[in-house]
Amino acid sequence: MNTISDNTSAVAENNYIFMLFISGMSVKSINAIENLRDICEGYLPGKFELDIIDISQNPELASANHIIATPTLIKKEPAPQKIILGDLSNIKKVLNALDISPK
């Protein structure tokens, strides 16, 4: 599991906590990682924590989170929890699904 954090405290108010489940370094996985990093750095600077979980290395974590396809993004915080499947390439739809206001 890789953690990318651009905040001082994951529990700070208005911070986003994401878990991105991938399967190895497939093209879709790489695209999802790059797209999510771009979204977080562009729209949530200093307000996010991102955990990248490779299900081939952490199958128990995938099972515990009911992951059946990859890439899968789970927004843990702020509530409500949201789940998005795919490579996150449609930024407008991703922002809308995650309740993030576009600039």
Protein backbone atom coordinates (compact mmCIF):
# COMPACT_ATOMS: atom_id res chain seq x y z
CA MET A 1 0.00 0.00 0.00
CA ASN A 2 1.35 3.39 -0.98
CA THR A 3 0.22 6.52 0.81
CA ILE A 4 0.40 9.92 -0.76
CA SER A 5 -0.47 12.73 1.58
CA ASP A 6 -0.71 16.41 0.89
CA ASN A 7 -1.97 17.46 4.29
CA THR A 8 -0.78 17.79 7.85
CA SER A 9 -3.53 15.71 9.40
CA ALA A 10 -5.95 13.31 7.76
CA VAL A 11 -8.55 14.16 10.36
CA ALA A 12 -8.41 17.90 9.73
CA GLU A 13 -11.73 19.43 8.76
CA ASN A 14 -12.64 19.37 5.05
CA ASN A 15 -9.92 16.88 4.12
CA TYR A 16 -10.58 14.13 1.62
CA ILE A 17 -9.45 10.57 2.22
CA PHE A 18 -9.27 8.30 -0.82
CA MET A 19 -8.46 4.63 -1.32
CA LEU A 20 -7.61 3.66 -4.90
CA PHE A 21 -7.62 -0.08 -5.57
CA ILE A 22 -5.58 -1.19 -8.58
CA SER A 23 -4.41 -4.49 -10.02
CA GLY A 24 -0.70 -4.34 -10.80
CA MET A 25 0.61 -1.64 -13.08
CA SER A 26 -1.81 -2.11 -15.97
CA VAL A 27 -2.53 0.77 -18.31
CA LYS A 28 -5.87 1.40 -16.58
CA SER A 29 -4.21 1.37 -13.16
CA ILE A 30 -1.52 3.83 -14.23
CA ASN A 31 -4.12 6.11 -15.84
CA ALA A 32 -6.29 6.01 -12.71
CA ILE A 33 -3.33 6.92 -10.49
CA GLU A 34 -2.26 9.80 -12.74
CA ASN A 35 -5.81 11.11 -13.18
CA LEU A 36 -6.55 11.01 -9.45
CA ARG A 37 -3.26 12.69 -8.57
CA ASP A 38 -4.04 15.45 -11.09
CA ILE A 39 -7.52 15.92 -9.60
CA CYS A 40 -6.25 15.97 -6.02
CA GLU A 41 -3.35 18.32 -6.70
CA GLY A 42 -5.46 20.58 -8.92
CA TYR A 43 -8.68 20.76 -6.90
CA LEU A 44 -7.73 19.72 -3.36
CA PRO A 45 -4.22 21.08 -2.72
CA GLY A 46 -3.25 20.45 0.87
CA LYS A 47 -6.57 18.73 1.61
CA PHE A 48 -6.20 15.07 0.69
CA GLU A 49 -4.78 11.72 1.64
CA LEU A 50 -4.51 9.01 -1.00
CA ASP A 51 -3.84 5.33 -0.34
CA ILE A 52 -3.05 3.23 -3.40
CA ILE A 53 -3.71 -0.46 -2.81
CA ASP A 54 -2.61 -3.16 -5.24
CA ILE A 55 -5.09 -5.97 -4.76
CA SER A 56 -2.55 -8.56 -5.89
CA GLN A 57 -0.38 -7.60 -2.91
CA ASN A 58 -3.24 -6.91 -0.45
CA PRO A 59 -6.13 -9.23 -1.33
CA GLU A 60 -7.45 -9.13 2.24
CA LEU A 61 -7.89 -5.34 2.06
CA ALA A 62 -9.69 -5.69 -1.27
CA SER A 63 -11.97 -8.32 0.20
CA ALA A 64 -12.68 -6.26 3.31
CA ASN A 65 -13.75 -3.35 1.07
CA HIS A 66 -15.79 -5.58 -1.29
CA ILE A 67 -13.67 -4.73 -4.34
CA ILE A 68 -14.74 -6.78 -7.36
CA ALA A 69 -13.21 -4.70 -10.19
CA THR A 70 -10.24 -2.40 -10.65
CA PRO A 71 -9.47 0.39 -10.71
CA THR A 72 -11.91 1.32 -7.96
CA LEU A 73 -11.81 4.58 -6.02
CA ILE A 74 -13.41 4.88 -2.60
CA LYS A 75 -13.88 8.33 -1.08
CA LYS A 76 -13.89 7.64 2.67
CA GLU A 77 -14.09 11.24 3.89
CA PRO A 78 -15.90 13.54 3.92
CA ALA A 79 -19.13 11.61 4.20
CA PRO A 80 -21.00 10.24 2.40
CA GLN A 81 -18.69 7.50 1.16
CA LYS A 82 -18.59 7.27 -2.65
CA ILE A 83 -17.30 4.55 -4.98
CA ILE A 84 -16.18 5.12 -8.58
CA LEU A 85 -15.05 2.44 -11.02
CA GLY A 86 -12.72 3.06 -13.95
CA ASP A 87 -9.65 5.07 -14.85
CA LEU A 88 -11.12 8.43 -13.72
CA SER A 89 -10.43 9.99 -17.12
CA ASN A 90 -13.63 12.06 -17.27
CA ILE A 91 -12.62 14.73 -14.78
CA LYS A 92 -15.96 16.55 -14.86
CA LYS A 93 -17.87 13.37 -13.96
CA VAL A 94 -15.35 12.43 -11.26
CA LEU A 95 -15.56 15.87 -9.65
CA ASN A 96 -19.35 15.69 -9.71
CA ALA A 97 -19.42 12.17 -8.26
CA LEU A 98 -17.04 13.18 -5.47
CA ASP A 99 -18.92 16.41 -4.69
CA ILE A 100 -15.84 18.52 -5.51
CA SER A 101 -16.54 21.97 -6.92
CA PRO A 102 -14.72 22.68 -10.18
CA LYS A 103 -12.57 25.80 -10.24
